[in-house]
Amino acid sequence: MEQNSVIPAAPATASAEAAPPSGPPWMQRARGLLGNKRLRRFIQIAVVAVVFFYLARAVWLEWPDIQAYPWHLEMGYVLAAMLVLLVRGPIICLGWRMILRFMGYPLPWATAIRVYFYSGLAKYMPGSMWYAVGRVLLAEQVGVPKMITSVSIALETALVTVASITVGALALTARPDTPWWPLALVLVGLLVFLAYPRPWFALMNRGLMLLGRQPVTITITGWQLLVLLPPFILSWVAYGFISFFWTAALYPQLPWSEWPAITGLYTAAWVIGFLTLIVPNGWGVREGLLTGFLVNLLHLNPAVALGAVLLSRLGSIFGEAAWAAIAWSIKPPRRS
């Protein structure tokens, strides 16, 4: 039997029930504000409205160019994008499945895909974190404790962020005169974050205690996190190919020498939208940033940039819907 790489310091069934309110008065006030559903909803609506206002304004200003552009889809690139989209699905799931295996809860491929993609549809709901709630509940049905799944999602989020920033660094190739050293320092810091996770677990537990939650009683080594990183980087490299194909579908003259810049810009826009937690799935934020990147840094026609951004979003929805349909078709394992 494979030795567990994670050492539970408490029973895995430990719940995340709220402890009595604790912490300084300002923390209690902050909890009260964060718990105000009306305030959160107002902020979400306000941010989304502002983002879409500027997107609509950009489309209005560029409308003559959009109408005049000779629209044509190069179907070879469209098919290539859709193929890599489908192939990328298992790569995305692989990272989370490996995390669970290191934590002593390996899942069969079919079960992991069902849990991962079936719950992933909830990311389009307001709040950005409903997919995590769904995954915790579905994973519990196949024998993974809630605490284990919650920590695995936190680790997955950290690895996704580190990998996306690493691949997003390719955006600097769009401006060769941009110095690399500031980003190199950031990347070194992120690798140190992965290699020495103990202080961050302690910091996270301190925050959980201040919020009146139980601390995480599971540890994982820095070496294990570094071993887990390659699948997440591979996922973003695949995303770069998908992004290049969507852009080239509208602009077939796009040279392959622009692949690094395209990969970096699309990835950078994704991670910024992802970190904008109050906007579900980065809606509007990613599109606005990416359109600006493509027009101002790669000097693409605004019509091409807008069309490529739209294709990218529709392609992501197609890929997630396709794998969600596959996940839905997989019957859950019978529990003995």
C-alpha atoms as a PDB file:
ATOM      1  CA  MET A   1       0.000   0.000   0.000  1.00  0.00           C
ATOM      2  CA  GLU A   2       1.323   3.427  -0.942  1.00  0.00           C
ATOM      3  CA  GLN A   3       2.465   5.494   1.995  1.00  0.00           C
ATOM      4  CA  ASN A   4       0.436   8.633   2.579  1.00  0.00           C
ATOM      5  CA  SER A   5       2.346  11.834   1.956  1.00  0.00           C
ATOM      6  CA  VAL A   6       0.109  13.829   4.245  1.00  0.00           C
ATOM      7  CA  ILE A   7      -0.021  13.485   8.010  1.00  0.00           C
ATOM      8  CA  PRO A   8      -3.427  14.216   9.515  1.00  0.00           C
ATOM      9  CA  ALA A   9      -2.992  15.633  12.983  1.00  0.00           C
ATOM     10  CA  ALA A  10      -6.675  15.189  13.710  1.00  0.00           C
ATOM     11  CA  PRO A  11      -9.438  12.913  12.438  1.00  0.00           C
ATOM     12  CA  ALA A  12     -10.227  13.527   8.782  1.00  0.00           C
ATOM     13  CA  THR A  13     -13.826  14.004   9.677  1.00  0.00           C
ATOM     14  CA  ALA A  14     -13.064  17.181  11.565  1.00  0.00           C
ATOM     15  CA  SER A  15     -15.701  19.638  10.522  1.00  0.00           C
ATOM     16  CA  ALA A  16     -15.278  23.233   9.500  1.00  0.00           C
ATOM     17  CA  GLU A  17     -18.029  24.393  11.818  1.00  0.00           C
ATOM     18  CA  ALA A  18     -17.640  27.912  13.016  1.00  0.00           C
ATOM     19  CA  ALA A  19     -16.116  28.406  16.419  1.00  0.00           C
ATOM     20  CA  PRO A  20     -17.336  31.144  18.745  1.00  0.00           C
ATOM     21  CA  PRO A  21     -16.455  34.628  17.430  1.00  0.00           C
ATOM     22  CA  SER A  22     -12.874  35.524  18.185  1.00  0.00           C
ATOM     23  CA  GLY A  23     -10.276  38.059  17.214  1.00  0.00           C
ATOM     24  CA  PRO A  24      -9.968  41.811  17.580  1.00  0.00           C
ATOM     25  CA  PRO A  25     -12.990  44.106  17.084  1.00  0.00           C
ATOM     26  CA  TRP A  26     -11.888  45.183  13.592  1.00  0.00           C
ATOM     27  CA  MET A  27     -11.764  41.538  12.502  1.00  0.00           C
ATOM     28  CA  GLN A  28     -15.266  40.944  13.837  1.00  0.00           C
ATOM     29  CA  ARG A  29     -16.504  44.026  11.955  1.00  0.00           C
ATOM     30  CA  ALA A  30     -14.788  42.762   8.795  1.00  0.00           C
ATOM     31  CA  ARG A  31     -16.512  39.403   9.195  1.00  0.00           C
ATOM     32  CA  GLY A  32     -19.813  41.210   9.513  1.00  0.00           C
ATOM     33  CA  LEU A  33     -19.232  43.151   6.275  1.00  0.00           C
ATOM     34  CA  LEU A  34     -18.072  40.069   4.375  1.00  0.00           C
ATOM     35  CA  GLY A  35     -21.122  38.206   5.604  1.00  0.00           C
ATOM     36  CA  ASN A  36     -23.502  40.874   4.304  1.00  0.00           C
ATOM     37  CA  LYS A  37     -24.978  39.198   1.223  1.00  0.00           C
ATOM     38  CA  ARG A  38     -26.644  42.381  -0.027  1.00  0.00           C
ATOM     39  CA  LEU A  39     -23.366  44.303   0.146  1.00  0.00           C
ATOM     40  CA  ARG A  40     -21.480  41.564  -1.687  1.00  0.00           C
ATOM     41  CA  ARG A  41     -24.151  41.357  -4.373  1.00  0.00           C
ATOM     42  CA  PHE A  42     -24.149  45.165  -4.794  1.00  0.00           C
ATOM     43  CA  ILE A  43     -20.354  45.186  -5.232  1.00  0.00           C
ATOM     44  CA  GLN A  44     -20.525  42.340  -7.759  1.00  0.00           C
ATOM     45  CA  ILE A  45     -23.218  44.065  -9.809  1.00  0.00           C
ATOM     46  CA  ALA A  46     -21.388  47.405  -9.663  1.00  0.00           C
ATOM     47  CA  VAL A  47     -18.062  45.939 -10.819  1.00  0.00           C
ATOM     48  CA  VAL A  48     -19.643  43.907 -13.614  1.00  0.00           C
ATOM     49  CA  ALA A  49     -21.647  46.941 -14.748  1.00  0.00           C
ATOM     50  CA  VAL A  50     -18.523  49.134 -14.911  1.00  0.00           C
ATOM     51  CA  VAL A  51     -16.569  46.487 -16.815  1.00  0.00           C
ATOM     52  CA  PHE A  52     -19.307  45.895 -19.355  1.00  0.00           C
ATOM     53  CA  PHE A  53     -19.836  49.643 -19.762  1.00  0.00           C
ATOM     54  CA  TYR A  54     -16.247  50.062 -20.897  1.00  0.00           C
ATOM     55  CA  LEU A  55     -16.457  46.959 -23.078  1.00  0.00           C
ATOM     56  CA  ALA A  56     -19.603  48.273 -24.750  1.00  0.00           C
ATOM     57  CA  ARG A  57     -17.954  51.672 -25.170  1.00  0.00           C
ATOM     58  CA  ALA A  58     -14.929  50.050 -26.851  1.00  0.00           C
ATOM     59  CA  VAL A  59     -17.187  48.111 -29.219  1.00  0.00           C
ATOM     60  CA  TRP A  60     -19.136  51.285 -30.023  1.00  0.00           C
ATOM     61  CA  LEU A  61     -15.973  53.238 -30.814  1.00  0.00           C
ATOM     62  CA  GLU A  62     -14.579  50.432 -32.984  1.00  0.00           C
ATOM     63  CA  TRP A  63     -17.884  49.583 -34.661  1.00  0.00           C
ATOM     64  CA  PRO A  64     -16.954  51.046 -38.075  1.00  0.00           C
ATOM     65  CA  ASP A  65     -13.806  48.890 -38.159  1.00  0.00           C
ATOM     66  CA  ILE A  66     -15.779  45.853 -36.998  1.00  0.00           C
ATOM     67  CA  GLN A  67     -18.317  46.329 -39.793  1.00  0.00           C
ATOM     68  CA  ALA A  68     -15.625  46.939 -42.403  1.00  0.00           C
ATOM     69  CA  TYR A  69     -13.457  43.954 -41.442  1.00  0.00           C
ATOM     70  CA  PRO A  70     -13.622  41.033 -43.954  1.00  0.00           C
ATOM     71  CA  TRP A  71     -14.788  38.390 -41.488  1.00  0.00           C
ATOM     72  CA  HIS A  72     -13.702  34.838 -42.259  1.00  0.00           C
ATOM     73  CA  LEU A  73     -13.081  31.830 -40.026  1.00  0.00           C
ATOM     74  CA  GLU A  74     -10.178  29.568 -40.937  1.00  0.00           C
ATOM     75  CA  MET A  75     -11.785  26.237 -40.057  1.00  0.00           C
ATOM     76  CA  GLY A  76      -8.467  24.401 -39.750  1.00  0.00           C
ATOM     77  CA  TYR A  77      -7.505  26.601 -36.810  1.00  0.00           C
ATOM     78  CA  VAL A  78     -11.017  26.320 -35.327  1.00  0.00           C
ATOM     79  CA  LEU A  79     -10.847  22.528 -35.376  1.00  0.00           C
ATOM     80  CA  ALA A  80      -7.330  22.584 -33.927  1.00  0.00           C
ATOM     81  CA  ALA A  81      -8.501  24.820 -31.068  1.00  0.00           C
ATOM     82  CA  MET A  82     -11.459  22.566 -30.298  1.00  0.00           C
ATOM     83  CA  LEU A  83      -9.262  19.454 -30.365  1.00  0.00           C
ATOM     84  CA  VAL A  84      -6.712  20.878 -27.934  1.00  0.00           C
ATOM     85  CA  LEU A  85      -9.592  22.152 -25.772  1.00  0.00           C
ATOM     86  CA  LEU A  86     -10.879  18.601 -25.371  1.00  0.00           C
ATOM     87  CA  VAL A  87      -7.410  17.158 -24.799  1.00  0.00           C
ATOM     88  CA  ARG A  88      -6.705  19.791 -22.136  1.00  0.00           C
ATOM     89  CA  GLY A  89      -9.625  18.604 -19.991  1.00  0.00           C
ATOM     90  CA  PRO A  90      -7.887  15.557 -18.473  1.00  0.00           C
ATOM     91  CA  ILE A  91      -4.697  17.605 -18.003  1.00  0.00           C
ATOM     92  CA  ILE A  92      -6.627  20.118 -15.882  1.00  0.00           C
ATOM     93  CA  CYS A  93      -8.129  17.314 -13.799  1.00  0.00           C
ATOM     94  CA  LEU A  94      -4.791  15.503 -13.486  1.00  0.00           C
ATOM     95  CA  GLY A  95      -3.326  18.132 -11.170  1.00  0.00           C
ATOM     96  CA  TRP A  96      -6.171  17.890  -8.647  1.00  0.00           C
ATOM     97  CA  ARG A  97      -6.198  14.093  -8.846  1.00  0.00           C
ATOM     98  CA  MET A  98      -2.456  14.017  -8.072  1.00  0.00           C
ATOM     99  CA  ILE A  99      -3.009  16.267  -5.059  1.00  0.00           C
ATOM    100  CA  LEU A 100      -5.613  13.864  -3.693  1.00  0.00           C
ATOM    101  CA  ARG A 101      -3.275  10.927  -4.305  1.00  0.00           C
ATOM    102  CA  PHE A 102      -0.494  12.623  -2.349  1.00  0.00           C
ATOM    103  CA  MET A 103      -2.999  13.233   0.437  1.00  0.00           C
ATOM    104  CA  GLY A 104      -3.826   9.548   0.604  1.00  0.00           C
ATOM    105  CA  TYR A 105      -7.174   9.594  -1.223  1.00  0.00           C
ATOM    106  CA  PRO A 106      -6.583   8.382  -4.806  1.00  0.00           C
ATOM    107  CA  LEU A 107      -9.603   8.476  -7.089  1.00  0.00           C
ATOM    108  CA  PRO A 108     -10.137   6.487 -10.293  1.00  0.00           C
ATOM    109  CA  TRP A 109      -9.918   8.592 -13.436  1.00  0.00           C
ATOM    110  CA  ALA A 110     -13.630   8.354 -14.222  1.00  0.00           C
ATOM    111  CA  THR A 111     -14.618   9.342 -10.688  1.00  0.00           C
ATOM    112  CA  ALA A 112     -12.179  12.262 -10.600  1.00  0.00           C
ATOM    113  CA  ILE A 113     -13.468  13.587 -13.933  1.00  0.00           C
ATOM    114  CA  ARG A 114     -17.078  13.280 -12.790  1.00  0.00           C
ATOM    115  CA  VAL A 115     -16.452  15.166  -9.555  1.00  0.00           C
ATOM    116  CA  TYR A 116     -14.206  17.808 -11.123  1.00  0.00           C
ATOM    117  CA  PHE A 117     -16.172  18.809 -14.196  1.00  0.00           C
ATOM    118  CA  TYR A 118     -19.689  18.234 -12.905  1.00  0.00           C
ATOM    119  CA  SER A 119     -19.031  20.634 -10.042  1.00  0.00           C
ATOM    120  CA  GLY A 120     -17.129  23.019 -12.325  1.00  0.00           C
ATOM    121  CA  LEU A 121     -20.314  24.343 -13.910  1.00  0.00           C
ATOM    122  CA  ALA A 122     -21.036  26.192 -10.653  1.00  0.00           C
ATOM    123  CA  LYS A 123     -18.183  28.613 -11.337  1.00  0.00           C
ATOM    124  CA  TYR A 124     -20.599  30.631 -13.483  1.00  0.00           C
ATOM    125  CA  MET A 125     -22.747  31.374 -10.450  1.00  0.00           C
ATOM    126  CA  PRO A 126     -22.240  34.656  -8.550  1.00  0.00           C
ATOM    127  CA  GLY A 127     -19.733  34.281  -5.765  1.00  0.00           C
ATOM    128  CA  SER A 128     -16.907  32.494  -7.651  1.00  0.00           C
ATOM    129  CA  MET A 129     -16.543  29.722  -5.061  1.00  0.00           C
ATOM    130  CA  TRP A 130     -19.676  27.621  -5.614  1.00  0.00           C
ATOM    131  CA  TYR A 131     -17.671  25.169  -7.704  1.00  0.00           C
ATOM    132  CA  ALA A 132     -15.609  24.418  -4.582  1.00  0.00           C
ATOM    133  CA  VAL A 133     -18.744  23.743  -2.534  1.00  0.00           C
ATOM    134  CA  GLY A 134     -20.034  21.409  -5.228  1.00  0.00           C
ATOM    135  CA  ARG A 135     -16.728  19.559  -5.457  1.00  0.00           C
ATOM    136  CA  VAL A 136     -16.569  19.090  -1.697  1.00  0.00           C
ATOM    137  CA  LEU A 137     -20.068  17.581  -1.673  1.00  0.00           C
ATOM    138  CA  LEU A 138     -19.496  15.339  -4.695  1.00  0.00           C
ATOM    139  CA  ALA A 139     -16.115  14.154  -3.421  1.00  0.00           C
ATOM    140  CA  GLU A 140     -17.657  13.305  -0.058  1.00  0.00           C
ATOM    141  CA  GLN A 141     -20.069  10.991  -1.874  1.00  0.00           C
ATOM    142  CA  VAL A 142     -17.092   8.947  -3.149  1.00  0.00           C
ATOM    143  CA  GLY A 143     -15.351   8.754   0.217  1.00  0.00           C
ATOM    144  CA  VAL A 144     -13.139  11.860   0.366  1.00  0.00           C
ATOM    145  CA  PRO A 145     -13.612  13.798   3.626  1.00  0.00           C
ATOM    146  CA  LYS A 146     -14.666  17.428   3.383  1.00  0.00           C
ATOM    147  CA  MET A 147     -11.477  18.654   5.043  1.00  0.00           C
ATOM    148  CA  ILE A 148      -9.294  16.774   2.549  1.00  0.00           C
ATOM    149  CA  THR A 149     -11.197  18.132  -0.465  1.00  0.00           C
ATOM    150  CA  SER A 150     -11.175  21.684   0.928  1.00  0.00           C
ATOM    151  CA  VAL A 151      -7.401  21.626   1.418  1.00  0.00           C
ATOM    152  CA  SER A 152      -6.890  20.031  -2.007  1.00  0.00           C
ATOM    153  CA  ILE A 153      -8.831  22.879  -3.622  1.00  0.00           C
ATOM    154  CA  ALA A 154      -6.730  25.444  -1.750  1.00  0.00           C
ATOM    155  CA  LEU A 155      -3.526  23.745  -2.928  1.00  0.00           C
ATOM    156  CA  GLU A 156      -4.894  23.484  -6.465  1.00  0.00           C
ATOM    157  CA  THR A 157      -5.701  27.204  -6.465  1.00  0.00           C
ATOM    158  CA  ALA A 158      -2.167  28.038  -5.326  1.00  0.00           C
ATOM    159  CA  LEU A 159      -0.631  25.811  -7.996  1.00  0.00           C
ATOM    160  CA  VAL A 160      -2.930  27.167 -10.719  1.00  0.00           C
ATOM    161  CA  THR A 161      -1.942  30.707  -9.758  1.00  0.00           C
ATOM    162  CA  VAL A 162       1.799  29.985  -9.667  1.00  0.00           C
ATOM    163  CA  ALA A 163       1.674  28.103 -12.981  1.00  0.00           C
ATOM    164  CA  SER A 164      -0.407  30.795 -14.705  1.00  0.00           C
ATOM    165  CA  ILE A 165       1.917  33.567 -13.551  1.00  0.00           C
ATOM    166  CA  THR A 166       4.907  31.520 -14.724  1.00  0.00           C
ATOM    167  CA  VAL A 167       3.448  30.976 -18.199  1.00  0.00           C
ATOM    168  CA  GLY A 168       1.996  34.495 -18.207  1.00  0.00           C
ATOM    169  CA  ALA A 169       5.562  35.788 -18.006  1.00  0.00           C
ATOM    170  CA  LEU A 170       5.766  35.043 -21.726  1.00  0.00           C
ATOM    171  CA  ALA A 171       3.679  38.197 -22.179  1.00  0.00           C
ATOM    172  CA  LEU A 172       6.934  40.130 -21.782  1.00  0.00           C
ATOM    173  CA  THR A 173       7.969  38.891 -25.237  1.00  0.00           C
ATOM    174  CA  ALA A 174       5.357  41.275 -26.649  1.00  0.00           C
ATOM    175  CA  ARG A 175       7.634  44.121 -25.506  1.00  0.00           C
ATOM    176  CA  PRO A 176      11.243  42.936 -25.830  1.00  0.00           C
ATOM    177  CA  ASP A 177      12.521  46.140 -24.203  1.00  0.00           C
ATOM    178  CA  THR A 178      10.670  45.343 -20.945  1.00  0.00           C
ATOM    179  CA  PRO A 179      13.078  44.315 -18.146  1.00  0.00           C
ATOM    180  CA  TRP A 180      12.666  40.743 -16.956  1.00  0.00           C
ATOM    181  CA  TRP A 181      14.266  41.031 -13.542  1.00  0.00           C
ATOM    182  CA  PRO A 182      11.152  42.216 -11.594  1.00  0.00           C
ATOM    183  CA  LEU A 183       9.175  39.241 -12.843  1.00  0.00           C
ATOM    184  CA  ALA A 184      12.114  36.930 -12.174  1.00  0.00           C
ATOM    185  CA  LEU A 185      12.019  38.042  -8.546  1.00  0.00           C
ATOM    186  CA  VAL A 186       8.286  37.330  -8.408  1.00  0.00           C
ATOM    187  CA  LEU A 187       8.772  33.857  -9.891  1.00  0.00           C
ATOM    188  CA  VAL A 188      11.563  33.066  -7.443  1.00  0.00           C
ATOM    189  CA  GLY A 189       9.287  34.184  -4.614  1.00  0.00           C
ATOM    190  CA  LEU A 190       6.490  31.923  -5.883  1.00  0.00           C
ATOM    191  CA  LEU A 191       8.836  28.935  -6.083  1.00  0.00           C
ATOM    192  CA  VAL A 192      10.010  29.641  -2.539  1.00  0.00           C
ATOM    193  CA  PHE A 193       6.352  29.768  -1.536  1.00  0.00           C
ATOM    194  CA  LEU A 194       5.911  26.263  -2.937  1.00  0.00           C
ATOM    195  CA  ALA A 195       9.211  24.866  -1.687  1.00  0.00           C
ATOM    196  CA  TYR A 196       8.659  26.032   1.911  1.00  0.00           C
ATOM    197  CA  PRO A 197       4.906  25.839   2.557  1.00  0.00           C
ATOM    198  CA  ARG A 198       5.061  25.402   6.350  1.00  0.00           C
ATOM    199  CA  PRO A 199       5.030  29.168   7.157  1.00  0.00           C
ATOM    200  CA  TRP A 200       2.085  29.652   4.812  1.00  0.00           C
ATOM    201  CA  PHE A 201       0.115  26.854   6.429  1.00  0.00           C
ATOM    202  CA  ALA A 202       0.780  28.509   9.789  1.00  0.00           C
ATOM    203  CA  LEU A 203      -0.323  31.889   8.399  1.00  0.00           C
ATOM    204  CA  MET A 204      -3.446  30.353   6.881  1.00  0.00           C
ATOM    205  CA  ASN A 205      -4.305  28.675  10.174  1.00  0.00           C
ATOM    206  CA  ARG A 206      -3.860  31.964  11.993  1.00  0.00           C
ATOM    207  CA  GLY A 207      -6.297  33.598   9.593  1.00  0.00           C
ATOM    208  CA  LEU A 208      -8.780  30.755  10.012  1.00  0.00           C
ATOM    209  CA  MET A 209      -8.610  31.103  13.781  1.00  0.00           C
ATOM    210  CA  LEU A 210      -9.218  34.848  13.544  1.00  0.00           C
ATOM    211  CA  LEU A 211     -12.251  34.104  11.386  1.00  0.00           C
ATOM    212  CA  GLY A 212     -13.524  31.648  13.974  1.00  0.00           C
ATOM    213  CA  ARG A 213     -12.752  28.552  11.878  1.00  0.00           C
ATOM    214  CA  GLN A 214     -10.901  25.367  12.714  1.00  0.00           C
ATOM    215  CA  PRO A 215      -7.254  25.320  11.590  1.00  0.00           C
ATOM    216  CA  VAL A 216      -6.110  23.005   8.825  1.00  0.00           C
ATOM    217  CA  THR A 217      -4.603  19.880  10.353  1.00  0.00           C
ATOM    218  CA  ILE A 218      -2.957  18.565   7.189  1.00  0.00           C
ATOM    219  CA  THR A 219       0.563  19.222   5.940  1.00  0.00           C
ATOM    220  CA  ILE A 220       2.272  18.615   2.603  1.00  0.00           C
ATOM    221  CA  THR A 221       5.947  19.027   1.792  1.00  0.00           C
ATOM    222  CA  GLY A 222       7.472  21.576  -0.529  1.00  0.00           C
ATOM    223  CA  TRP A 223       8.984  18.818  -2.660  1.00  0.00           C
ATOM    224  CA  GLN A 224       5.531  17.358  -3.242  1.00  0.00           C
ATOM    225  CA  LEU A 225       4.189  20.772  -4.304  1.00  0.00           C
ATOM    226  CA  LEU A 226       7.058  21.225  -6.754  1.00  0.00           C
ATOM    227  CA  VAL A 227       6.364  17.753  -8.201  1.00  0.00           C
ATOM    228  CA  LEU A 228       2.723  18.755  -8.601  1.00  0.00           C
ATOM    229  CA  LEU A 229       3.542  21.941 -10.548  1.00  0.00           C
ATOM    230  CA  PRO A 230       4.382  20.495 -14.044  1.00  0.00           C
ATOM    231  CA  PRO A 231       0.813  19.323 -14.900  1.00  0.00           C
ATOM    232  CA  PHE A 232      -0.498  22.803 -14.141  1.00  0.00           C
ATOM    233  CA  ILE A 233       2.186  24.418 -16.317  1.00  0.00           C
ATOM    234  CA  LEU A 234       1.405  21.935 -19.103  1.00  0.00           C
ATOM    235  CA  SER A 235      -2.248  22.954 -18.865  1.00  0.00           C
ATOM    236  CA  TRP A 236      -1.347  26.605 -19.465  1.00  0.00           C
ATOM    237  CA  VAL A 237       0.957  25.729 -22.349  1.00  0.00           C
ATOM    238  CA  ALA A 238      -2.005  23.939 -23.930  1.00  0.00           C
ATOM    239  CA  TYR A 239      -4.118  27.030 -23.241  1.00  0.00           C
ATOM    240  CA  GLY A 240      -1.524  29.025 -25.163  1.00  0.00           C
ATOM    241  CA  PHE A 241      -1.941  26.806 -28.235  1.00  0.00           C
ATOM    242  CA  ILE A 242      -5.730  27.096 -27.964  1.00  0.00           C
ATOM    243  CA  SER A 243      -5.461  30.889 -27.750  1.00  0.00           C
ATOM    244  CA  PHE A 244      -3.133  31.042 -30.739  1.00  0.00           C
ATOM    245  CA  PHE A 245      -5.515  28.917 -32.816  1.00  0.00           C
ATOM    246  CA  TRP A 246      -8.544  31.089 -31.940  1.00  0.00           C
ATOM    247  CA  THR A 247      -6.648  34.243 -32.896  1.00  0.00           C
ATOM    248  CA  ALA A 248      -5.262  32.733 -36.090  1.00  0.00           C
ATOM    249  CA  ALA A 249      -8.750  31.545 -37.049  1.00  0.00           C
ATOM    250  CA  LEU A 250      -9.625  35.201 -37.619  1.00  0.00           C
ATOM    251  CA  TYR A 251      -6.138  36.340 -38.647  1.00  0.00           C
ATOM    252  CA  PRO A 252      -4.436  33.457 -40.541  1.00  0.00           C
ATOM    253  CA  GLN A 253      -1.380  35.639 -41.219  1.00  0.00           C
ATOM    254  CA  LEU A 254      -0.487  35.495 -37.526  1.00  0.00           C
ATOM    255  CA  PRO A 255       3.102  34.137 -37.421  1.00  0.00           C
ATOM    256  CA  TRP A 256       4.104  31.325 -35.075  1.00  0.00           C
ATOM    257  CA  SER A 257       6.781  33.625 -33.708  1.00  0.00           C
ATOM    258  CA  GLU A 258       3.945  35.399 -31.853  1.00  0.00           C
ATOM    259  CA  TRP A 259       2.950  32.214 -30.006  1.00  0.00           C
ATOM    260  CA  PRO A 260       4.902  33.093 -26.823  1.00  0.00           C
ATOM    261  CA  ALA A 261       3.352  36.567 -26.646  1.00  0.00           C
ATOM    262  CA  ILE A 262      -0.150  35.263 -27.380  1.00  0.00           C
ATOM    263  CA  THR A 263       0.244  32.568 -24.722  1.00  0.00           C
ATOM    264  CA  GLY A 264       1.506  35.029 -22.139  1.00  0.00           C
ATOM    265  CA  LEU A 265      -1.112  37.708 -22.801  1.00  0.00           C
ATOM    266  CA  TYR A 266      -4.085  35.339 -22.776  1.00  0.00           C
ATOM    267  CA  THR A 267      -2.793  33.664 -19.610  1.00  0.00           C
ATOM    268  CA  ALA A 268      -2.076  36.967 -17.869  1.00  0.00           C
ATOM    269  CA  ALA A 269      -5.589  38.199 -18.663  1.00  0.00           C
ATOM    270  CA  TRP A 270      -7.024  34.943 -17.325  1.00  0.00           C
ATOM    271  CA  VAL A 271      -5.184  35.076 -14.016  1.00  0.00           C
ATOM    272  CA  ILE A 272      -6.145  38.714 -13.418  1.00  0.00           C
ATOM    273  CA  GLY A 273      -9.787  37.848 -14.078  1.00  0.00           C
ATOM    274  CA  PHE A 274      -9.477  34.788 -11.852  1.00  0.00           C
ATOM    275  CA  LEU A 275      -8.095  36.818  -8.975  1.00  0.00           C
ATOM    276  CA  THR A 276     -10.980  39.286  -9.318  1.00  0.00           C
ATOM    277  CA  LEU A 277     -13.015  37.161  -6.950  1.00  0.00           C
ATOM    278  CA  ILE A 278     -16.110  39.340  -6.901  1.00  0.00           C
ATOM    279  CA  VAL A 279     -16.713  38.803 -10.641  1.00  0.00           C
ATOM    280  CA  PRO A 280     -17.951  35.267 -11.472  1.00  0.00           C
ATOM    281  CA  ASN A 281     -15.360  33.470 -13.613  1.00  0.00           C
ATOM    282  CA  GLY A 282     -13.698  36.762 -14.512  1.00  0.00           C
ATOM    283  CA  TRP A 283     -16.558  37.802 -16.810  1.00  0.00           C
ATOM    284  CA  GLY A 284     -15.775  41.062 -18.556  1.00  0.00           C
ATOM    285  CA  VAL A 285     -12.478  41.652 -16.750  1.00  0.00           C
ATOM    286  CA  ARG A 286     -10.605  39.085 -18.816  1.00  0.00           C
ATOM    287  CA  GLU A 287     -12.199  40.213 -22.069  1.00  0.00           C
ATOM    288  CA  GLY A 288     -11.496  43.891 -21.468  1.00  0.00           C
ATOM    289  CA  LEU A 289      -7.858  43.358 -20.517  1.00  0.00           C
ATOM    290  CA  LEU A 290      -7.198  40.903 -23.323  1.00  0.00           C
ATOM    291  CA  THR A 291      -8.672  43.167 -25.984  1.00  0.00           C
ATOM    292  CA  GLY A 292      -6.423  45.983 -24.791  1.00  0.00           C
ATOM    293  CA  PHE A 293      -3.379  43.692 -24.745  1.00  0.00           C
ATOM    294  CA  LEU A 294      -3.925  42.421 -28.282  1.00  0.00           C
ATOM    295  CA  VAL A 295      -4.569  45.866 -29.743  1.00  0.00           C
ATOM    296  CA  ASN A 296      -1.941  47.887 -27.886  1.00  0.00           C
ATOM    297  CA  LEU A 297       0.865  45.338 -27.530  1.00  0.00           C
ATOM    298  CA  LEU A 298       0.501  43.113 -30.598  1.00  0.00           C
ATOM    299  CA  HIS A 299      -1.107  45.836 -32.738  1.00  0.00           C
ATOM    300  CA  LEU A 300      -3.875  43.573 -33.972  1.00  0.00           C
ATOM    301  CA  ASN A 301      -6.886  45.047 -35.696  1.00  0.00           C
ATOM    302  CA  PRO A 302      -9.487  45.893 -33.004  1.00  0.00           C
ATOM    303  CA  ALA A 303     -12.045  43.774 -34.860  1.00  0.00           C
ATOM    304  CA  VAL A 304      -9.700  40.780 -34.801  1.00  0.00           C
ATOM    305  CA  ALA A 305      -8.935  41.333 -31.119  1.00  0.00           C
ATOM    306  CA  LEU A 306     -12.610  41.526 -30.135  1.00  0.00           C
ATOM    307  CA  GLY A 307     -13.495  38.517 -32.267  1.00  0.00           C
ATOM    308  CA  ALA A 308     -10.617  36.438 -30.871  1.00  0.00           C
ATOM    309  CA  VAL A 309     -11.584  37.331 -27.307  1.00  0.00           C
ATOM    310  CA  LEU A 310     -15.178  36.288 -27.974  1.00  0.00           C
ATOM    311  CA  LEU A 311     -14.055  33.016 -29.581  1.00  0.00           C
ATOM    312  CA  SER A 312     -11.820  32.321 -26.594  1.00  0.00           C
ATOM    313  CA  ARG A 313     -14.680  32.771 -24.126  1.00  0.00           C
ATOM    314  CA  LEU A 314     -17.093  30.701 -26.226  1.00  0.00           C
ATOM    315  CA  GLY A 315     -14.420  28.039 -26.643  1.00  0.00           C
ATOM    316  CA  SER A 316     -13.893  27.834 -22.875  1.00  0.00           C
ATOM    317  CA  ILE A 317     -17.637  27.409 -22.373  1.00  0.00           C
ATOM    318  CA  PHE A 318     -17.696  24.706 -25.058  1.00  0.00           C
ATOM    319  CA  GLY A 319     -14.816  22.792 -23.456  1.00  0.00           C
ATOM    320  CA  GLU A 320     -16.293  22.962 -19.974  1.00  0.00           C
ATOM    321  CA  ALA A 321     -19.758  22.004 -21.237  1.00  0.00           C
ATOM    322  CA  ALA A 322     -18.345  19.059 -23.218  1.00  0.00           C
ATOM    323  CA  TRP A 323     -16.476  17.661 -20.232  1.00  0.00           C
ATOM    324  CA  ALA A 324     -19.439  18.380 -17.945  1.00  0.00           C
ATOM    325  CA  ALA A 325     -21.585  16.293 -20.306  1.00  0.00           C
ATOM    326  CA  ILE A 326     -19.000  13.512 -20.156  1.00  0.00           C
ATOM    327  CA  ALA A 327     -18.933  13.822 -16.365  1.00  0.00           C
ATOM    328  CA  TRP A 328     -22.729  13.685 -16.198  1.00  0.00           C
ATOM    329  CA  SER A 329     -22.732  10.491 -18.275  1.00  0.00           C
ATOM    330  CA  ILE A 330     -20.384   8.760 -15.815  1.00  0.00           C
ATOM    331  CA  LYS A 331     -22.408   6.896 -13.235  1.00  0.00           C
ATOM    332  CA  PRO A 332     -21.318   7.486  -9.644  1.00  0.00           C
ATOM    333  CA  PRO A 333     -19.692   4.460  -8.018  1.00  0.00           C
ATOM    334  CA  ARG A 334     -21.875   2.423  -5.736  1.00  0.00           C
ATOM    335  CA  ARG A 335     -21.047   2.796  -2.097  1.00  0.00           C
ATOM    336  CA  SER A 336     -20.768  -0.402  -0.164  1.00  0.00           C
END
